[in-house]
């Protein structure tokens, strides 16, 4: 399943690279915060996957009157319920969710759930580490990418698409969350999408050297990890 604002940036990669046939559901960690991504996942056609997804969906009618994070927040609650209900943090995490009033509160709740999930035993849900999933937000590197590590981009909403300027070329730090640049020099027609023999013409100005791009992404990950440790300490988890 993928969000409507997700698209393929690198047609040479395949989703099969990310499949683990021993797992019913595969998620990945978001690159820029503590969340497990809810907007895209791989689900096996199995009873275990169907039960998991049905339970998650049914939380829509049980969301608390708080800043709950919608499906994103519900995913963490459901994963904790299914995989770590015996955790000493279970009740604390639910309390944080019920009292959440803003994104800062939601971050505390999310971190609490992640800590609870660290106690989970063997199960059929896989969460890929940051940077190891099939998709990342385009703005994380100002729409620059490299064919060695990238497959799909998220946050490609047409309303936020911009034309880059000369000073944007090679600049990996840009405005966060929304703006993005078209990575194709020649846009595809919809009729070409199912065909394997169509050569995509990429805009070479947005293809960054691997070492340069990886170093930039690693710095972002280090910042997230630092923030995680600091907030965990403040929460005394």
C-alpha atoms as a PDB file:
ATOM      1  CA  UNK A   1       0.000   0.000   0.000  1.00  0.00           C
ATOM      2  CA  UNK A   2       1.280   3.474  -0.836  1.00  0.00           C
ATOM      3  CA  UNK A   3       0.023   6.986  -0.188  1.00  0.00           C
ATOM      4  CA  UNK A   4      -1.317   8.951  -3.145  1.00  0.00           C
ATOM      5  CA  UNK A   5       1.641  11.349  -2.900  1.00  0.00           C
ATOM      6  CA  UNK A   6       4.259   8.621  -3.343  1.00  0.00           C
ATOM      7  CA  UNK A   7       5.939   7.973  -6.676  1.00  0.00           C
ATOM      8  CA  UNK A   8       8.843   6.049  -8.164  1.00  0.00           C
ATOM      9  CA  UNK A   9      11.991   8.112  -8.628  1.00  0.00           C
ATOM     10  CA  UNK A  10      14.220   5.220  -9.715  1.00  0.00           C
ATOM     11  CA  UNK A  11      12.619   2.746 -12.116  1.00  0.00           C
ATOM     12  CA  UNK A  12      15.582   0.353 -11.951  1.00  0.00           C
ATOM     13  CA  UNK A  13      14.759  -0.854  -8.453  1.00  0.00           C
ATOM     14  CA  UNK A  14      12.011  -3.307  -7.500  1.00  0.00           C
ATOM     15  CA  UNK A  15       9.756  -3.640  -4.465  1.00  0.00           C
ATOM     16  CA  UNK A  16      10.810  -7.298  -4.207  1.00  0.00           C
ATOM     17  CA  UNK A  17      14.109  -6.079  -2.743  1.00  0.00           C
ATOM     18  CA  UNK A  18      12.270  -5.191   0.459  1.00  0.00           C
ATOM     19  CA  UNK A  19      10.137  -8.308   0.905  1.00  0.00           C
ATOM     20  CA  UNK A  20      10.814 -10.742   3.728  1.00  0.00           C
ATOM     21  CA  UNK A  21       8.589 -13.750   3.150  1.00  0.00           C
ATOM     22  CA  UNK A  22       8.737 -14.747   6.817  1.00  0.00           C
ATOM     23  CA  UNK A  23       6.811 -11.595   7.768  1.00  0.00           C
ATOM     24  CA  UNK A  24       3.122 -10.755   7.368  1.00  0.00           C
ATOM     25  CA  UNK A  25       3.539  -6.962   7.439  1.00  0.00           C
ATOM     26  CA  UNK A  26       6.558  -4.782   6.651  1.00  0.00           C
ATOM     27  CA  UNK A  27       6.829  -1.150   7.710  1.00  0.00           C
ATOM     28  CA  UNK A  28       9.792   1.208   7.915  1.00  0.00           C
ATOM     29  CA  UNK A  29      10.904   3.971  10.255  1.00  0.00           C
ATOM     30  CA  UNK A  30      10.460   7.527   9.070  1.00  0.00           C
ATOM     31  CA  UNK A  31      13.663   9.327   8.283  1.00  0.00           C
ATOM     32  CA  UNK A  32      13.127  12.578  10.167  1.00  0.00           C
ATOM     33  CA  UNK A  33      11.297  11.668  13.380  1.00  0.00           C
ATOM     34  CA  UNK A  34      10.534   8.728  15.669  1.00  0.00           C
ATOM     35  CA  UNK A  35       7.526   7.359  13.796  1.00  0.00           C
ATOM     36  CA  UNK A  36       6.904   4.072  12.071  1.00  0.00           C
ATOM     37  CA  UNK A  37       5.439   5.051   8.717  1.00  0.00           C
ATOM     38  CA  UNK A  38       1.716   4.381   8.356  1.00  0.00           C
ATOM     39  CA  UNK A  39       1.287   5.683   4.813  1.00  0.00           C
ATOM     40  CA  UNK A  40       2.984   2.817   3.022  1.00  0.00           C
ATOM     41  CA  UNK A  41       3.550  -0.808   3.952  1.00  0.00           C
ATOM     42  CA  UNK A  42       3.874  -4.278   2.455  1.00  0.00           C
ATOM     43  CA  UNK A  43       1.267  -6.856   3.467  1.00  0.00           C
ATOM     44  CA  UNK A  44       1.293 -10.556   2.671  1.00  0.00           C
ATOM     45  CA  UNK A  45      -1.999 -12.127   1.609  1.00  0.00           C
ATOM     46  CA  UNK A  46      -2.172 -14.059   4.866  1.00  0.00           C
ATOM     47  CA  UNK A  47      -4.549 -14.451   7.781  1.00  0.00           C
ATOM     48  CA  UNK A  48      -2.047 -12.786  10.092  1.00  0.00           C
ATOM     49  CA  UNK A  49      -1.816  -9.706   7.879  1.00  0.00           C
ATOM     50  CA  UNK A  50      -5.589  -9.462   7.513  1.00  0.00           C
ATOM     51  CA  UNK A  51      -6.130  -9.694  11.272  1.00  0.00           C
ATOM     52  CA  UNK A  52      -3.488  -7.041  11.922  1.00  0.00           C
ATOM     53  CA  UNK A  53      -4.877  -4.614   9.343  1.00  0.00           C
ATOM     54  CA  UNK A  54      -8.482  -5.139  10.461  1.00  0.00           C
ATOM     55  CA  UNK A  55      -7.590  -4.396  14.060  1.00  0.00           C
ATOM     56  CA  UNK A  56      -5.694  -1.271  13.086  1.00  0.00           C
ATOM     57  CA  UNK A  57      -8.593  -0.073  10.915  1.00  0.00           C
ATOM     58  CA  UNK A  58     -11.113  -0.577  13.707  1.00  0.00           C
ATOM     59  CA  UNK A  59      -9.235   1.909  15.883  1.00  0.00           C
ATOM     60  CA  UNK A  60     -10.648   4.667  13.661  1.00  0.00           C
ATOM     61  CA  UNK A  61     -13.827   4.558  15.749  1.00  0.00           C
ATOM     62  CA  UNK A  62     -11.918   4.483  19.040  1.00  0.00           C
ATOM     63  CA  UNK A  63      -9.589   7.467  18.695  1.00  0.00           C
ATOM     64  CA  UNK A  64      -9.375   9.575  21.856  1.00  0.00           C
ATOM     65  CA  UNK A  65     -10.477  13.251  21.959  1.00  0.00           C
ATOM     66  CA  UNK A  66      -6.854  14.364  21.816  1.00  0.00           C
ATOM     67  CA  UNK A  67      -4.171  15.297  19.294  1.00  0.00           C
ATOM     68  CA  UNK A  68      -3.984  11.610  18.397  1.00  0.00           C
ATOM     69  CA  UNK A  69      -2.135  11.557  15.083  1.00  0.00           C
ATOM     70  CA  UNK A  70      -4.940   9.814  13.181  1.00  0.00           C
ATOM     71  CA  UNK A  71      -3.842   6.571  11.486  1.00  0.00           C
ATOM     72  CA  UNK A  72      -0.208   7.283  12.362  1.00  0.00           C
ATOM     73  CA  UNK A  73      -0.885   7.413  16.082  1.00  0.00           C
ATOM     74  CA  UNK A  74      -3.290   4.494  15.892  1.00  0.00           C
ATOM     75  CA  UNK A  75      -0.641   2.337  14.211  1.00  0.00           C
ATOM     76  CA  UNK A  76       1.706   2.718  17.162  1.00  0.00           C
ATOM     77  CA  UNK A  77      -1.054   1.900  19.642  1.00  0.00           C
ATOM     78  CA  UNK A  78      -2.091  -1.163  17.666  1.00  0.00           C
ATOM     79  CA  UNK A  79       1.481  -2.407  17.256  1.00  0.00           C
ATOM     80  CA  UNK A  80       2.039  -1.980  20.981  1.00  0.00           C
ATOM     81  CA  UNK A  81      -1.247  -3.787  21.719  1.00  0.00           C
ATOM     82  CA  UNK A  82      -0.374  -6.696  19.441  1.00  0.00           C
ATOM     83  CA  UNK A  83       3.358  -7.010  20.111  1.00  0.00           C
ATOM     84  CA  UNK A  84       4.169  -5.452  23.482  1.00  0.00           C
ATOM     85  CA  UNK A  85       1.037  -5.398  25.627  1.00  0.00           C
ATOM     86  CA  UNK A  86       3.034  -6.737  28.593  1.00  0.00           C
ATOM     87  CA  UNK A  87       5.496  -3.845  28.499  1.00  0.00           C
ATOM     88  CA  UNK A  88       5.774  -1.793  31.694  1.00  0.00           C
ATOM     89  CA  UNK A  89       5.326   1.281  29.456  1.00  0.00           C
ATOM     90  CA  UNK A  90       2.009   0.193  27.944  1.00  0.00           C
ATOM     91  CA  UNK A  91      -0.285   2.196  30.231  1.00  0.00           C
ATOM     92  CA  UNK A  92       2.056   5.187  30.257  1.00  0.00           C
ATOM     93  CA  UNK A  93       2.060   5.342  26.448  1.00  0.00           C
ATOM     94  CA  UNK A  94      -1.737   5.190  26.299  1.00  0.00           C
ATOM     95  CA  UNK A  95      -1.938   7.979  28.870  1.00  0.00           C
ATOM     96  CA  UNK A  96       0.385  10.144  26.765  1.00  0.00           C
ATOM     97  CA  UNK A  97      -1.818   9.465  23.726  1.00  0.00           C
ATOM     98  CA  UNK A  98      -5.011  10.338  25.557  1.00  0.00           C
ATOM     99  CA  UNK A  99      -3.546  13.608  26.882  1.00  0.00           C
ATOM    100  CA  UNK A 100      -1.731  14.694  23.710  1.00  0.00           C
ATOM    101  CA  UNK A 101      -2.428  18.302  22.677  1.00  0.00           C
ATOM    102  CA  UNK A 102       0.200  19.027  20.003  1.00  0.00           C
ATOM    103  CA  UNK A 103       3.050  17.570  17.948  1.00  0.00           C
ATOM    104  CA  UNK A 104       5.459  17.747  20.878  1.00  0.00           C
ATOM    105  CA  UNK A 105       3.110  15.608  22.947  1.00  0.00           C
ATOM    106  CA  UNK A 106       2.663  13.239  20.020  1.00  0.00           C
ATOM    107  CA  UNK A 107       6.442  12.846  19.783  1.00  0.00           C
ATOM    108  CA  UNK A 108       6.546  11.828  23.443  1.00  0.00           C
ATOM    109  CA  UNK A 109       3.807   9.270  22.852  1.00  0.00           C
ATOM    110  CA  UNK A 110       5.557   7.909  19.763  1.00  0.00           C
ATOM    111  CA  UNK A 111       8.870   7.544  21.558  1.00  0.00           C
ATOM    112  CA  UNK A 112       7.129   5.775  24.432  1.00  0.00           C
ATOM    113  CA  UNK A 113       5.583   3.282  22.002  1.00  0.00           C
ATOM    114  CA  UNK A 114       8.928   2.698  20.298  1.00  0.00           C
ATOM    115  CA  UNK A 115      10.509   1.928  23.657  1.00  0.00           C
ATOM    116  CA  UNK A 116       7.673  -0.449  24.501  1.00  0.00           C
ATOM    117  CA  UNK A 117       8.060  -2.181  21.142  1.00  0.00           C
ATOM    118  CA  UNK A 118      11.735  -2.786  21.910  1.00  0.00           C
ATOM    119  CA  UNK A 119      10.503  -5.448  24.347  1.00  0.00           C
ATOM    120  CA  UNK A 120       8.477  -7.324  21.712  1.00  0.00           C
ATOM    121  CA  UNK A 121       9.241 -10.989  21.274  1.00  0.00           C
ATOM    122  CA  UNK A 122       9.413 -12.918  17.978  1.00  0.00           C
ATOM    123  CA  UNK A 123       6.581 -11.904  15.652  1.00  0.00           C
ATOM    124  CA  UNK A 124       5.624 -11.538  11.996  1.00  0.00           C
ATOM    125  CA  UNK A 125       5.777  -7.738  11.801  1.00  0.00           C
ATOM    126  CA  UNK A 126       9.003  -6.242  10.439  1.00  0.00           C
ATOM    127  CA  UNK A 127      10.026  -2.606  10.819  1.00  0.00           C
ATOM    128  CA  UNK A 128      12.949  -1.607   8.610  1.00  0.00           C
ATOM    129  CA  UNK A 129      15.408   0.885  10.070  1.00  0.00           C
ATOM    130  CA  UNK A 130      15.639   4.503   8.920  1.00  0.00           C
ATOM    131  CA  UNK A 131      17.083   4.729   5.438  1.00  0.00           C
ATOM    132  CA  UNK A 132      16.483   1.028   4.724  1.00  0.00           C
ATOM    133  CA  UNK A 133      12.898   1.330   3.471  1.00  0.00           C
ATOM    134  CA  UNK A 134      11.642   1.679  -0.070  1.00  0.00           C
ATOM    135  CA  UNK A 135      10.643   5.327   0.224  1.00  0.00           C
ATOM    136  CA  UNK A 136      11.759   8.620   1.752  1.00  0.00           C
ATOM    137  CA  UNK A 137      10.498  12.187   1.672  1.00  0.00           C
ATOM    138  CA  UNK A 138      11.701  14.144  -1.363  1.00  0.00           C
ATOM    139  CA  UNK A 139      12.468  17.260   0.684  1.00  0.00           C
ATOM    140  CA  UNK A 140      14.999  15.421   2.862  1.00  0.00           C
ATOM    141  CA  UNK A 141      17.642  16.116   0.227  1.00  0.00           C
ATOM    142  CA  UNK A 142      15.930  18.903  -1.721  1.00  0.00           C
ATOM    143  CA  UNK A 143      14.683  16.408  -4.360  1.00  0.00           C
ATOM    144  CA  UNK A 144      18.205  15.108  -5.032  1.00  0.00           C
ATOM    145  CA  UNK A 145      18.658  11.357  -5.249  1.00  0.00           C
ATOM    146  CA  UNK A 146      21.035   8.589  -6.234  1.00  0.00           C
ATOM    147  CA  UNK A 147      20.158   5.348  -8.062  1.00  0.00           C
ATOM    148  CA  UNK A 148      22.199   3.262  -5.626  1.00  0.00           C
ATOM    149  CA  UNK A 149      20.024   4.021  -2.599  1.00  0.00           C
ATOM    150  CA  UNK A 150      16.711   5.541  -3.734  1.00  0.00           C
ATOM    151  CA  UNK A 151      13.543   3.939  -5.077  1.00  0.00           C
ATOM    152  CA  UNK A 152      10.437   5.992  -4.190  1.00  0.00           C
ATOM    153  CA  UNK A 153       9.784   9.522  -2.954  1.00  0.00           C
ATOM    154  CA  UNK A 154       7.026  10.661  -0.606  1.00  0.00           C
ATOM    155  CA  UNK A 155       5.432  14.139  -0.301  1.00  0.00           C
ATOM    156  CA  UNK A 156       4.985  14.616  -4.051  1.00  0.00           C
ATOM    157  CA  UNK A 157       1.843  16.713  -3.896  1.00  0.00           C
ATOM    158  CA  UNK A 158       1.267  18.544  -7.174  1.00  0.00           C
ATOM    159  CA  UNK A 159       0.290  21.757  -5.410  1.00  0.00           C
ATOM    160  CA  UNK A 160       3.791  22.025  -3.908  1.00  0.00           C
ATOM    161  CA  UNK A 161       5.813  21.227  -7.040  1.00  0.00           C
ATOM    162  CA  UNK A 162       8.304  23.961  -7.953  1.00  0.00           C
ATOM    163  CA  UNK A 163      10.853  24.617 -10.680  1.00  0.00           C
ATOM    164  CA  UNK A 164      14.361  24.641  -9.276  1.00  0.00           C
ATOM    165  CA  UNK A 165      16.754  27.528  -9.700  1.00  0.00           C
ATOM    166  CA  UNK A 166      20.427  27.304 -10.567  1.00  0.00           C
ATOM    167  CA  UNK A 167      21.402  27.791  -6.931  1.00  0.00           C
ATOM    168  CA  UNK A 168      19.304  24.736  -5.984  1.00  0.00           C
ATOM    169  CA  UNK A 169      21.451  22.356  -8.036  1.00  0.00           C
ATOM    170  CA  UNK A 170      23.581  20.302  -5.663  1.00  0.00           C
ATOM    171  CA  UNK A 171      22.052  21.981  -2.613  1.00  0.00           C
ATOM    172  CA  UNK A 172      20.741  19.183  -0.416  1.00  0.00           C
ATOM    173  CA  UNK A 173      19.271  21.335   2.351  1.00  0.00           C
ATOM    174  CA  UNK A 174      16.104  23.113   1.281  1.00  0.00           C
ATOM    175  CA  UNK A 175      12.722  24.075   2.638  1.00  0.00           C
ATOM    176  CA  UNK A 176      11.265  21.258   4.710  1.00  0.00           C
ATOM    177  CA  UNK A 177       8.127  19.129   4.387  1.00  0.00           C
ATOM    178  CA  UNK A 178       6.465  20.279   1.172  1.00  0.00           C
ATOM    179  CA  UNK A 179       8.355  21.794  -1.808  1.00  0.00           C
ATOM    180  CA  UNK A 180       9.774  19.400  -4.386  1.00  0.00           C
ATOM    181  CA  UNK A 181      11.233  19.411  -7.886  1.00  0.00           C
ATOM    182  CA  UNK A 182      10.398  17.186 -10.854  1.00  0.00           C
ATOM    183  CA  UNK A 183      13.181  14.592 -11.150  1.00  0.00           C
ATOM    184  CA  UNK A 184      12.419  13.688 -14.767  1.00  0.00           C
ATOM    185  CA  UNK A 185      13.731  15.822 -17.591  1.00  0.00           C
ATOM    186  CA  UNK A 186      11.021  14.399 -19.849  1.00  0.00           C
ATOM    187  CA  UNK A 187       7.784  13.623 -17.949  1.00  0.00           C
ATOM    188  CA  UNK A 188       6.196  10.241 -18.610  1.00  0.00           C
ATOM    189  CA  UNK A 189       2.820   9.790 -20.215  1.00  0.00           C
ATOM    190  CA  UNK A 190       0.420   7.612 -18.263  1.00  0.00           C
ATOM    191  CA  UNK A 191       0.274   5.151 -21.161  1.00  0.00           C
ATOM    192  CA  UNK A 192       4.030   4.558 -20.780  1.00  0.00           C
ATOM    193  CA  UNK A 193       3.897   3.580 -17.109  1.00  0.00           C
ATOM    194  CA  UNK A 194       3.102  -0.158 -17.548  1.00  0.00           C
ATOM    195  CA  UNK A 195       5.808  -0.633 -20.191  1.00  0.00           C
ATOM    196  CA  UNK A 196       9.213  -2.035 -19.262  1.00  0.00           C
ATOM    197  CA  UNK A 197      10.882  -0.880 -22.476  1.00  0.00           C
ATOM    198  CA  UNK A 198      10.456   2.854 -21.823  1.00  0.00           C
ATOM    199  CA  UNK A 199      13.666   4.655 -20.910  1.00  0.00           C
ATOM    200  CA  UNK A 200      13.127   7.299 -18.248  1.00  0.00           C
ATOM    201  CA  UNK A 201      14.971  10.541 -18.951  1.00  0.00           C
ATOM    202  CA  UNK A 202      16.106  11.764 -15.542  1.00  0.00           C
ATOM    203  CA  UNK A 203      17.180  15.305 -14.782  1.00  0.00           C
ATOM    204  CA  UNK A 204      20.893  14.805 -14.129  1.00  0.00           C
ATOM    205  CA  UNK A 205      21.055  18.029 -12.137  1.00  0.00           C
ATOM    206  CA  UNK A 206      19.151  16.296  -9.334  1.00  0.00           C
ATOM    207  CA  UNK A 207      21.235  13.112  -9.256  1.00  0.00           C
ATOM    208  CA  UNK A 208      23.695  13.619  -6.417  1.00  0.00           C
ATOM    209  CA  UNK A 209      26.991  11.746  -5.923  1.00  0.00           C
ATOM    210  CA  UNK A 210      26.409   8.802  -3.606  1.00  0.00           C
ATOM    211  CA  UNK A 211      28.948   9.767  -0.933  1.00  0.00           C
ATOM    212  CA  UNK A 212      27.709  13.362  -0.849  1.00  0.00           C
ATOM    213  CA  UNK A 213      24.063  12.355  -0.553  1.00  0.00           C
ATOM    214  CA  UNK A 214      24.681   9.582   1.969  1.00  0.00           C
ATOM    215  CA  UNK A 215      26.687  11.900   4.217  1.00  0.00           C
ATOM    216  CA  UNK A 216      23.828  14.408   4.166  1.00  0.00           C
ATOM    217  CA  UNK A 217      21.238  11.763   5.035  1.00  0.00           C
ATOM    218  CA  UNK A 218      23.470  10.307   7.742  1.00  0.00           C
ATOM    219  CA  UNK A 219      23.713  13.707   9.399  1.00  0.00           C
ATOM    220  CA  UNK A 220      19.926  13.938   9.439  1.00  0.00           C
ATOM    221  CA  UNK A 221      19.684  10.505  11.013  1.00  0.00           C
ATOM    222  CA  UNK A 222      22.242  11.435  13.647  1.00  0.00           C
ATOM    223  CA  UNK A 223      20.191  14.503  14.549  1.00  0.00           C
ATOM    224  CA  UNK A 224      17.074  12.355  14.949  1.00  0.00           C
ATOM    225  CA  UNK A 225      18.939   9.834  17.087  1.00  0.00           C
ATOM    226  CA  UNK A 226      20.300  12.643  19.258  1.00  0.00           C
ATOM    227  CA  UNK A 227      16.798  14.072  19.712  1.00  0.00           C
ATOM    228  CA  UNK A 228      15.494  10.604  20.570  1.00  0.00           C
ATOM    229  CA  UNK A 229      18.071  10.086  23.316  1.00  0.00           C
ATOM    230  CA  UNK A 230      17.445  13.547  24.763  1.00  0.00           C
ATOM    231  CA  UNK A 231      13.657  13.145  24.872  1.00  0.00           C
ATOM    232  CA  UNK A 232      13.939   9.628  26.277  1.00  0.00           C
ATOM    233  CA  UNK A 233      16.057  11.007  29.097  1.00  0.00           C
ATOM    234  CA  UNK A 234      13.549  13.786  29.803  1.00  0.00           C
ATOM    235  CA  UNK A 235      10.684  11.292  29.933  1.00  0.00           C
ATOM    236  CA  UNK A 236      12.701   9.053  32.246  1.00  0.00           C
ATOM    237  CA  UNK A 237      11.700   5.924  30.347  1.00  0.00           C
END
